[in-house]
Amino acid sequence: AIEACRRTDVPVLVGGRGFGSDGRWATKLGVAFARDA
């Protein structure tokens, strides 16, 4: 889904426990992460 959104040239930011509390799996996927609102 991230890659599909990137092809629209819209920047992507992710969040949620699915990416790890510290965002380590967001880093693994090469996408910006925010831990809270």
ModelCIF file with pLDDT and N, C-alpha, C, O atoms, coordinates in Angstrom:
data_MODEL
#
_entry.id   MODEL 
#
_entity.id                         1 
_entity.type                       polymer 
_entity.pdbx_number_of_molecules   1 
#
_entity_poly.entity_id                      1 
_entity_poly.type                           'polypeptide(L)' 
_entity_poly.nstd_linkage                   no 
_entity_poly.nstd_monomer                   no 
_entity_poly.pdbx_seq_one_letter_code       AIEACRRTDVPVLVGGRGFGSDGRWATKLGVAFARDA 
_entity_poly.pdbx_seq_one_letter_code_can   AIEACRRTDVPVLVGGRGFGSDGRWATKLGVAFARDA 
_entity_poly.pdbx_strand_id                 A 
#
loop_
_entity_poly_seq.entity_id 
_entity_poly_seq.num 
_entity_poly_seq.mon_id 
_entity_poly_seq.hetero 
1 1  ALA n 
1 2  ILE n 
1 3  GLU n 
1 4  ALA n 
1 5  CYS n 
1 6  ARG n 
1 7  ARG n 
1 8  THR n 
1 9  ASP n 
1 10 VAL n 
1 11 PRO n 
1 12 VAL n 
1 13 LEU n 
1 14 VAL n 
1 15 GLY n 
1 16 GLY n 
1 17 ARG n 
1 18 GLY n 
1 19 PHE n 
1 20 GLY n 
1 21 SER n 
1 22 ASP n 
1 23 GLY n 
1 24 ARG n 
1 25 TRP n 
1 26 ALA n 
1 27 THR n 
1 28 LYS n 
1 29 LEU n 
1 30 GLY n 
1 31 VAL n 
1 32 ALA n 
1 33 PHE n 
1 34 ALA n 
1 35 ARG n 
1 36 ASP n 
1 37 ALA n 
#
_struct_asym.id          A 
_struct_asym.entity_id   1 
#
loop_
_ma_qa_metric.id 
_ma_qa_metric.mode 
_ma_qa_metric.name 
_ma_qa_metric.software_group_id 
_ma_qa_metric.type 
1 global pLDDT . pLDDT 
2 local  pLDDT . pLDDT 
#
_ma_qa_metric_global.metric_id      1 
_ma_qa_metric_global.metric_value   93.05 
_ma_qa_metric_global.model_id       1 
_ma_qa_metric_global.ordinal_id     1 
#
loop_
_ma_qa_metric_local.label_asym_id 
_ma_qa_metric_local.label_comp_id 
_ma_qa_metric_local.label_seq_id 
_ma_qa_metric_local.metric_id 
_ma_qa_metric_local.metric_value 
_ma_qa_metric_local.model_id 
_ma_qa_metric_local.ordinal_id 
A ALA 1  2 93.00 1 1  
A ILE 2  2 93.00 1 2  
A GLU 3  2 91.00 1 3  
A ALA 4  2 93.00 1 4  
A CYS 5  2 94.00 1 5  
A ARG 6  2 90.00 1 6  
A ARG 7  2 92.00 1 7  
A THR 8  2 94.00 1 8  
A ASP 9  2 92.00 1 9  
A VAL 10 2 94.00 1 10 
A PRO 11 2 94.00 1 11 
A VAL 12 2 95.00 1 12 
A LEU 13 2 96.00 1 13 
A VAL 14 2 96.00 1 14 
A GLY 15 2 95.00 1 15 
A GLY 16 2 94.00 1 16 
A ARG 17 2 93.00 1 17 
A GLY 18 2 94.00 1 18 
A PHE 19 2 96.00 1 19 
A GLY 20 2 94.00 1 20 
A SER 21 2 89.00 1 21 
A ASP 22 2 92.00 1 22 
A GLY 23 2 94.00 1 23 
A ARG 24 2 93.00 1 24 
A TRP 25 2 95.00 1 25 
A ALA 26 2 93.00 1 26 
A THR 27 2 90.00 1 27 
A LYS 28 2 90.00 1 28 
A LEU 29 2 91.00 1 29 
A GLY 30 2 90.00 1 30 
A VAL 31 2 93.00 1 31 
A ALA 32 2 93.00 1 32 
A PHE 33 2 94.00 1 33 
A ALA 34 2 95.00 1 34 
A ARG 35 2 93.00 1 35 
A ASP 36 2 92.00 1 36 
A ALA 37 2 93.00 1 37 
#
loop_
_atom_site.group_PDB 
_atom_site.id 
_atom_site.type_symbol 
_atom_site.label_atom_id 
_atom_site.label_alt_id 
_atom_site.label_comp_id 
_atom_site.label_asym_id 
_atom_site.label_entity_id 
_atom_site.label_seq_id 
_atom_site.pdbx_PDB_ins_code 
_atom_site.Cartn_x 
_atom_site.Cartn_y 
_atom_site.Cartn_z 
_atom_site.occupancy 
_atom_site.B_iso_or_equiv 
_atom_site.pdbx_formal_charge 
_atom_site.auth_seq_id 
_atom_site.auth_comp_id 
_atom_site.auth_asym_id 
_atom_site.auth_atom_id 
_atom_site.pdbx_PDB_model_num 
ATOM 1   N N  . ALA A 1 1  ? 0.831  -1.207 0.000  1.00 93.00 ? 1  ALA A N  1 
ATOM 2   C CA . ALA A 1 1  ? 0.000  0.000  0.000  1.00 93.00 ? 1  ALA A CA 1 
ATOM 3   C C  . ALA A 1 1  ? 0.867  1.259  0.000  1.00 93.00 ? 1  ALA A C  1 
ATOM 4   O O  . ALA A 1 1  ? 0.557  2.235  -0.683 1.00 93.00 ? 1  ALA A O  1 
ATOM 5   N N  . ILE A 1 2  ? 1.948  1.227  0.767  1.00 93.00 ? 2  ILE A N  1 
ATOM 6   C CA . ILE A 1 2  ? 2.867  2.364  0.809  1.00 93.00 ? 2  ILE A CA 1 
ATOM 7   C C  . ILE A 1 2  ? 3.443  2.643  -0.570 1.00 93.00 ? 2  ILE A C  1 
ATOM 8   O O  . ILE A 1 2  ? 3.480  3.790  -1.017 1.00 93.00 ? 2  ILE A O  1 
ATOM 9   N N  . GLU A 1 3  ? 3.891  1.594  -1.236 1.00 91.00 ? 3  GLU A N  1 
ATOM 10  C CA . GLU A 1 3  ? 4.466  1.761  -2.575 1.00 91.00 ? 3  GLU A CA 1 
ATOM 11  C C  . GLU A 1 3  ? 3.432  2.282  -3.559 1.00 91.00 ? 3  GLU A C  1 
ATOM 12  O O  . GLU A 1 3  ? 3.757  3.103  -4.416 1.00 91.00 ? 3  GLU A O  1 
ATOM 13  N N  . ALA A 1 4  ? 2.191  1.819  -3.449 1.00 93.00 ? 4  ALA A N  1 
ATOM 14  C CA . ALA A 1 4  ? 1.136  2.303  -4.337 1.00 93.00 ? 4  ALA A CA 1 
ATOM 15  C C  . ALA A 1 4  ? 0.885  3.790  -4.112 1.00 93.00 ? 4  ALA A C  1 
ATOM 16  O O  . ALA A 1 4  ? 0.708  4.542  -5.071 1.00 93.00 ? 4  ALA A O  1 
ATOM 17  N N  . CYS A 1 5  ? 0.870  4.216  -2.854 1.00 94.00 ? 5  CYS A N  1 
ATOM 18  C CA . CYS A 1 5  ? 0.658  5.626  -2.549 1.00 94.00 ? 5  CYS A CA 1 
ATOM 19  C C  . CYS A 1 5  ? 1.829  6.477  -3.033 1.00 94.00 ? 5  CYS A C  1 
ATOM 20  O O  . CYS A 1 5  ? 1.629  7.588  -3.522 1.00 94.00 ? 5  CYS A O  1 
ATOM 21  N N  . ARG A 1 6  ? 3.028  5.970  -2.900 1.00 90.00 ? 6  ARG A N  1 
ATOM 22  C CA . ARG A 1 6  ? 4.200  6.729  -3.342 1.00 90.00 ? 6  ARG A CA 1 
ATOM 23  C C  . ARG A 1 6  ? 4.161  7.023  -4.835 1.00 90.00 ? 6  ARG A C  1 
ATOM 24  O O  . ARG A 1 6  ? 4.661  8.054  -5.286 1.00 90.00 ? 6  ARG A O  1 
ATOM 25  N N  . ARG A 1 7  ? 3.575  6.129  -5.586 1.00 92.00 ? 7  ARG A N  1 
ATOM 26  C CA . ARG A 1 7  ? 3.510  6.342  -7.041 1.00 92.00 ? 7  ARG A CA 1 
ATOM 27  C C  . ARG A 1 7  ? 2.590  7.504  -7.407 1.00 92.00 ? 7  ARG A C  1 
ATOM 28  O O  . ARG A 1 7  ? 2.590  7.954  -8.553 1.00 92.00 ? 7  ARG A O  1 
ATOM 29  N N  . THR A 1 8  ? 1.810  7.992  -6.450 1.00 94.00 ? 8  THR A N  1 
ATOM 30  C CA . THR A 1 8  ? 0.986  9.178  -6.690 1.00 94.00 ? 8  THR A CA 1 
ATOM 31  C C  . THR A 1 8  ? 1.751  10.457 -6.388 1.00 94.00 ? 8  THR A C  1 
ATOM 32  O O  . THR A 1 8  ? 1.225  11.552 -6.586 1.00 94.00 ? 8  THR A O  1 
ATOM 33  N N  . ASP A 1 9  ? 2.998  10.334 -5.905 1.00 92.00 ? 9  ASP A N  1 
ATOM 34  C CA . ASP A 1 9  ? 3.837  11.465 -5.496 1.00 92.00 ? 9  ASP A CA 1 
ATOM 35  C C  . ASP A 1 9  ? 3.303  12.178 -4.253 1.00 92.00 ? 9  ASP A C  1 
ATOM 36  O O  . ASP A 1 9  ? 3.673  13.323 -3.991 1.00 92.00 ? 9  ASP A O  1 
ATOM 37  N N  . VAL A 1 10 ? 2.442  11.516 -3.493 1.00 94.00 ? 10 VAL A N  1 
ATOM 38  C CA . VAL A 1 10 ? 1.974  12.058 -2.222 1.00 94.00 ? 10 VAL A CA 1 
ATOM 39  C C  . VAL A 1 10 ? 2.841  11.474 -1.113 1.00 94.00 ? 10 VAL A C  1 
ATOM 40  O O  . VAL A 1 10 ? 2.939  10.252 -1.008 1.00 94.00 ? 10 VAL A O  1 
ATOM 41  N N  . PRO A 1 11 ? 3.474  12.301 -0.280 1.00 94.00 ? 11 PRO A N  1 
ATOM 42  C CA . PRO A 1 11 ? 4.305  11.781 0.808  1.00 94.00 ? 11 PRO A CA 1 
ATOM 43  C C  . PRO A 1 11 ? 3.496  10.889 1.752  1.00 94.00 ? 11 PRO A C  1 
ATOM 44  O O  . PRO A 1 11 ? 2.318  11.141 2.004  1.00 94.00 ? 11 PRO A O  1 
ATOM 45  N N  . VAL A 1 12 ? 4.147  9.846  2.269  1.00 95.00 ? 12 VAL A N  1 
ATOM 46  C CA . VAL A 1 12 ? 3.493  8.859  3.121  1.00 95.00 ? 12 VAL A CA 1 
ATOM 47  C C  . VAL A 1 12 ? 4.085  8.916  4.528  1.00 95.00 ? 12 VAL A C  1 
ATOM 48  O O  . VAL A 1 12 ? 5.303  8.942  4.707  1.00 95.00 ? 12 VAL A O  1 
ATOM 49  N N  . LEU A 1 13 ? 3.197  8.934  5.516  1.00 96.00 ? 13 LEU A N  1 
ATOM 50  C CA . LEU A 1 13 ? 3.582  8.861  6.919  1.00 96.00 ? 13 LEU A CA 1 
ATOM 51  C C  . LEU A 1 13 ? 2.797  7.714  7.534  1.00 96.00 ? 13 LEU A C  1 
ATOM 52  O O  . LEU A 1 13 ? 1.603  7.573  7.272  1.00 96.00 ? 13 LEU A O  1 
ATOM 53  N N  . VAL A 1 14 ? 3.449  6.894  8.349  1.00 96.00 ? 14 VAL A N  1 
ATOM 54  C CA . VAL A 1 14 ? 2.759  5.745  8.937  1.00 96.00 ? 14 VAL A CA 1 
ATOM 55  C C  . VAL A 1 14 ? 2.813  5.811  10.454 1.00 96.00 ? 14 VAL A C  1 
ATOM 56  O O  . VAL A 1 14 ? 3.643  6.508  11.039 1.00 96.00 ? 14 VAL A O  1 
ATOM 57  N N  . GLY A 1 15 ? 1.898  5.060  11.078 1.00 95.00 ? 15 GLY A N  1 
ATOM 58  C CA . GLY A 1 15 ? 1.869  4.969  12.524 1.00 95.00 ? 15 GLY A CA 1 
ATOM 59  C C  . GLY A 1 15 ? 1.086  3.748  12.964 1.00 95.00 ? 15 GLY A C  1 
ATOM 60  O O  . GLY A 1 15 ? 0.408  3.103  12.164 1.00 95.00 ? 15 GLY A O  1 
ATOM 61  N N  . GLY A 1 16 ? 1.190  3.443  14.242 1.00 94.00 ? 16 GLY A N  1 
ATOM 62  C CA . GLY A 1 16 ? 0.484  2.291  14.781 1.00 94.00 ? 16 GLY A CA 1 
ATOM 63  C C  . GLY A 1 16 ? 1.449  1.229  15.266 1.00 94.00 ? 16 GLY A C  1 
ATOM 64  O O  . GLY A 1 16 ? 2.607  1.175  14.853 1.00 94.00 ? 16 GLY A O  1 
ATOM 65  N N  . ARG A 1 17 ? 0.940  0.378  16.161 1.00 93.00 ? 17 ARG A N  1 
ATOM 66  C CA . ARG A 1 17 ? 1.777  -0.672 16.746 1.00 93.00 ? 17 ARG A CA 1 
ATOM 67  C C  . ARG A 1 17 ? 2.281  -1.666 15.714 1.00 93.00 ? 17 ARG A C  1 
ATOM 68  O O  . ARG A 1 17 ? 3.272  -2.357 15.946 1.00 93.00 ? 17 ARG A O  1 
ATOM 69  N N  . GLY A 1 18 ? 1.608  -1.739 14.583 1.00 94.00 ? 18 GLY A N  1 
ATOM 70  C CA . GLY A 1 18 ? 2.042  -2.666 13.548 1.00 94.00 ? 18 GLY A CA 1 
ATOM 71  C C  . GLY A 1 18 ? 3.438  -2.368 13.034 1.00 94.00 ? 18 GLY A C  1 
ATOM 72  O O  . GLY A 1 18 ? 4.096  -3.255 12.489 1.00 94.00 ? 18 GLY A O  1 
ATOM 73  N N  . PHE A 1 19 ? 3.904  -1.133 13.197 1.00 96.00 ? 19 PHE A N  1 
ATOM 74  C CA . PHE A 1 19 ? 5.242  -0.763 12.733 1.00 96.00 ? 19 PHE A CA 1 
ATOM 75  C C  . PHE A 1 19 ? 6.276  -0.803 13.852 1.00 96.00 ? 19 PHE A C  1 
ATOM 76  O O  . PHE A 1 19 ? 7.418  -0.385 13.666 1.00 96.00 ? 19 PHE A O  1 
ATOM 77  N N  . GLY A 1 20 ? 5.862  -1.318 15.034 1.00 94.00 ? 20 GLY A N  1 
ATOM 78  C CA . GLY A 1 20 ? 6.760  -1.353 16.184 1.00 94.00 ? 20 GLY A CA 1 
ATOM 79  C C  . GLY A 1 20 ? 6.600  -0.090 17.006 1.00 94.00 ? 20 GLY A C  1 
ATOM 80  O O  . GLY A 1 20 ? 6.393  0.992  16.456 1.00 94.00 ? 20 GLY A O  1 
ATOM 81  N N  . SER A 1 21 ? 6.695  -0.221 18.317 1.00 89.00 ? 21 SER A N  1 
ATOM 82  C CA . SER A 1 21 ? 6.509  0.946  19.188 1.00 89.00 ? 21 SER A CA 1 
ATOM 83  C C  . SER A 1 21 ? 7.533  2.036  18.908 1.00 89.00 ? 21 SER A C  1 
ATOM 84  O O  . SER A 1 21 ? 7.268  3.217  19.130 1.00 89.00 ? 21 SER A O  1 
ATOM 85  N N  . ASP A 1 22 ? 8.704  1.636  18.419 1.00 92.00 ? 22 ASP A N  1 
ATOM 86  C CA . ASP A 1 22 ? 9.752  2.594  18.085 1.00 92.00 ? 22 ASP A CA 1 
ATOM 87  C C  . ASP A 1 22 ? 9.854  2.850  16.590 1.00 92.00 ? 22 ASP A C  1 
ATOM 88  O O  . ASP A 1 22 ? 10.760 3.552  16.141 1.00 92.00 ? 22 ASP A O  1 
ATOM 89  N N  . GLY A 1 23 ? 8.929  2.285  15.811 1.00 94.00 ? 23 GLY A N  1 
ATOM 90  C CA . GLY A 1 23 ? 8.933  2.508  14.369 1.00 94.00 ? 23 GLY A CA 1 
ATOM 91  C C  . GLY A 1 23 ? 10.002 1.740  13.617 1.00 94.00 ? 23 GLY A C  1 
ATOM 92  O O  . GLY A 1 23 ? 10.306 2.072  12.471 1.00 94.00 ? 23 GLY A O  1 
ATOM 93  N N  . ARG A 1 24 ? 10.583 0.711  14.244 1.00 93.00 ? 24 ARG A N  1 
ATOM 94  C CA . ARG A 1 24 ? 11.711 0.040  13.595 1.00 93.00 ? 24 ARG A CA 1 
ATOM 95  C C  . ARG A 1 24 ? 11.320 -0.663 12.302 1.00 93.00 ? 24 ARG A C  1 
ATOM 96  O O  . ARG A 1 24 ? 12.135 -0.772 11.385 1.00 93.00 ? 24 ARG A O  1 
ATOM 97  N N  . TRP A 1 25 ? 10.087 -1.139 12.221 1.00 95.00 ? 25 TRP A N  1 
ATOM 98  C CA . TRP A 1 25 ? 9.697  -1.813 10.977 1.00 95.00 ? 25 TRP A CA 1 
ATOM 99  C C  . TRP A 1 25 ? 9.289  -0.807 9.910  1.00 95.00 ? 25 TRP A C  1 
ATOM 100 O O  . TRP A 1 25 ? 9.324  -1.129 8.723  1.00 95.00 ? 25 TRP A O  1 
ATOM 101 N N  . ALA A 1 26 ? 8.908  0.392  10.303 1.00 93.00 ? 26 ALA A N  1 
ATOM 102 C CA . ALA A 1 26 ? 8.707  1.458  9.323  1.00 93.00 ? 26 ALA A CA 1 
ATOM 103 C C  . ALA A 1 26 ? 10.052 1.823  8.703  1.00 93.00 ? 26 ALA A C  1 
ATOM 104 O O  . ALA A 1 26 ? 10.153 2.022  7.492  1.00 93.00 ? 26 ALA A O  1 
ATOM 105 N N  . THR A 1 27 ? 11.086 1.910  9.543  1.00 90.00 ? 27 THR A N  1 
ATOM 106 C CA . THR A 1 27 ? 12.437 2.173  9.033  1.00 90.00 ? 27 THR A CA 1 
ATOM 107 C C  . THR A 1 27 ? 12.863 1.079  8.063  1.00 90.00 ? 27 THR A C  1 
ATOM 108 O O  . THR A 1 27 ? 13.471 1.358  7.030  1.00 90.00 ? 27 THR A O  1 
ATOM 109 N N  . LYS A 1 28 ? 12.540 -0.168 8.401  1.00 90.00 ? 28 LYS A N  1 
ATOM 110 C CA . LYS A 1 28 ? 12.881 -1.294 7.534  1.00 90.00 ? 28 LYS A CA 1 
ATOM 111 C C  . LYS A 1 28 ? 12.213 -1.157 6.173  1.00 90.00 ? 28 LYS A C  1 
ATOM 112 O O  . LYS A 1 28 ? 12.776 -1.547 5.151  1.00 90.00 ? 28 LYS A O  1 
ATOM 113 N N  . LEU A 1 29 ? 10.996 -0.593 6.170  1.00 91.00 ? 29 LEU A N  1 
ATOM 114 C CA . LEU A 1 29 ? 10.260 -0.421 4.922  1.00 91.00 ? 29 LEU A CA 1 
ATOM 115 C C  . LEU A 1 29 ? 10.555 0.921  4.256  1.00 91.00 ? 29 LEU A C  1 
ATOM 116 O O  . LEU A 1 29 ? 9.998  1.225  3.201  1.00 91.00 ? 29 LEU A O  1 
ATOM 117 N N  . GLY A 1 30 ? 11.426 1.722  4.863  1.00 90.00 ? 30 GLY A N  1 
ATOM 118 C CA . GLY A 1 30 ? 11.845 2.977  4.246  1.00 90.00 ? 30 GLY A CA 1 
ATOM 119 C C  . GLY A 1 30 ? 10.785 4.049  4.223  1.00 90.00 ? 30 GLY A C  1 
ATOM 120 O O  . GLY A 1 30 ? 10.694 4.808  3.259  1.00 90.00 ? 30 GLY A O  1 
ATOM 121 N N  . VAL A 1 31 ? 9.965  4.128  5.287  1.00 93.00 ? 31 VAL A N  1 
ATOM 122 C CA . VAL A 1 31 ? 8.883  5.114  5.308  1.00 93.00 ? 31 VAL A CA 1 
ATOM 123 C C  . VAL A 1 31 ? 8.914  5.875  6.621  1.00 93.00 ? 31 VAL A C  1 
ATOM 124 O O  . VAL A 1 31 ? 9.297  5.324  7.653  1.00 93.00 ? 31 VAL A O  1 
ATOM 125 N N  . ALA A 1 32 ? 8.508  7.149  6.585  1.00 93.00 ? 32 ALA A N  1 
ATOM 126 C CA . ALA A 1 32 ? 8.500  7.984  7.784  1.00 93.00 ? 32 ALA A CA 1 
ATOM 127 C C  . ALA A 1 32 ? 7.476  7.473  8.782  1.00 93.00 ? 32 ALA A C  1 
ATOM 128 O O  . ALA A 1 32 ? 6.407  6.992  8.404  1.00 93.00 ? 32 ALA A O  1 
ATOM 129 N N  . PHE A 1 33 ? 7.819  7.583  10.072 1.00 94.00 ? 33 PHE A N  1 
ATOM 130 C CA . PHE A 1 33 ? 6.981  7.045  11.142 1.00 94.00 ? 33 PHE A CA 1 
ATOM 131 C C  . PHE A 1 33 ? 6.730  8.109  12.192 1.00 94.00 ? 33 PHE A C  1 
ATOM 132 O O  . PHE A 1 33 ? 7.621  8.895  12.516 1.00 94.00 ? 33 PHE A O  1 
ATOM 133 N N  . ALA A 1 34 ? 5.506  8.135  12.728 1.00 95.00 ? 34 ALA A N  1 
ATOM 134 C CA . ALA A 1 34 ? 5.174  8.999  13.861 1.00 95.00 ? 34 ALA A CA 1 
ATOM 135 C C  . ALA A 1 34 ? 4.579  8.129  14.957 1.00 95.00 ? 34 ALA A C  1 
ATOM 136 O O  . ALA A 1 34 ? 3.652  7.359  14.706 1.00 95.00 ? 34 ALA A O  1 
ATOM 137 N N  . ARG A 1 35 ? 5.104  8.246  16.169 1.00 93.00 ? 35 ARG A N  1 
ATOM 138 C CA . ARG A 1 35 ? 4.675  7.362  17.256 1.00 93.00 ? 35 ARG A CA 1 
ATOM 139 C C  . ARG A 1 35 ? 3.334  7.776  17.852 1.00 93.00 ? 35 ARG A C  1 
ATOM 140 O O  . ARG A 1 35 ? 2.670  6.966  18.499 1.00 93.00 ? 35 ARG A O  1 
ATOM 141 N N  . ASP A 1 36 ? 2.925  9.042  17.639 1.00 92.00 ? 36 ASP A N  1 
ATOM 142 C CA . ASP A 1 36 ? 1.630  9.473  18.158 1.00 92.00 ? 36 ASP A CA 1 
ATOM 143 C C  . ASP A 1 36 ? 1.136  10.665 17.342 1.00 92.00 ? 36 ASP A C  1 
ATOM 144 O O  . ASP A 1 36 ? 1.786  11.095 16.390 1.00 92.00 ? 36 ASP A O  1 
ATOM 145 N N  . ALA A 1 37 ? -0.028 11.190 17.734 1.00 93.00 ? 37 ALA A N  1 
ATOM 146 C CA . ALA A 1 37 ? -0.654 12.261 16.957 1.00 93.00 ? 37 ALA A CA 1 
ATOM 147 C C  . ALA A 1 37 ? 0.173  13.539 16.981 1.00 93.00 ? 37 ALA A C  1 
ATOM 148 O O  . ALA A 1 37 ? -0.216 14.537 16.375 1.00 93.00 ? 37 ALA A O  1 
#
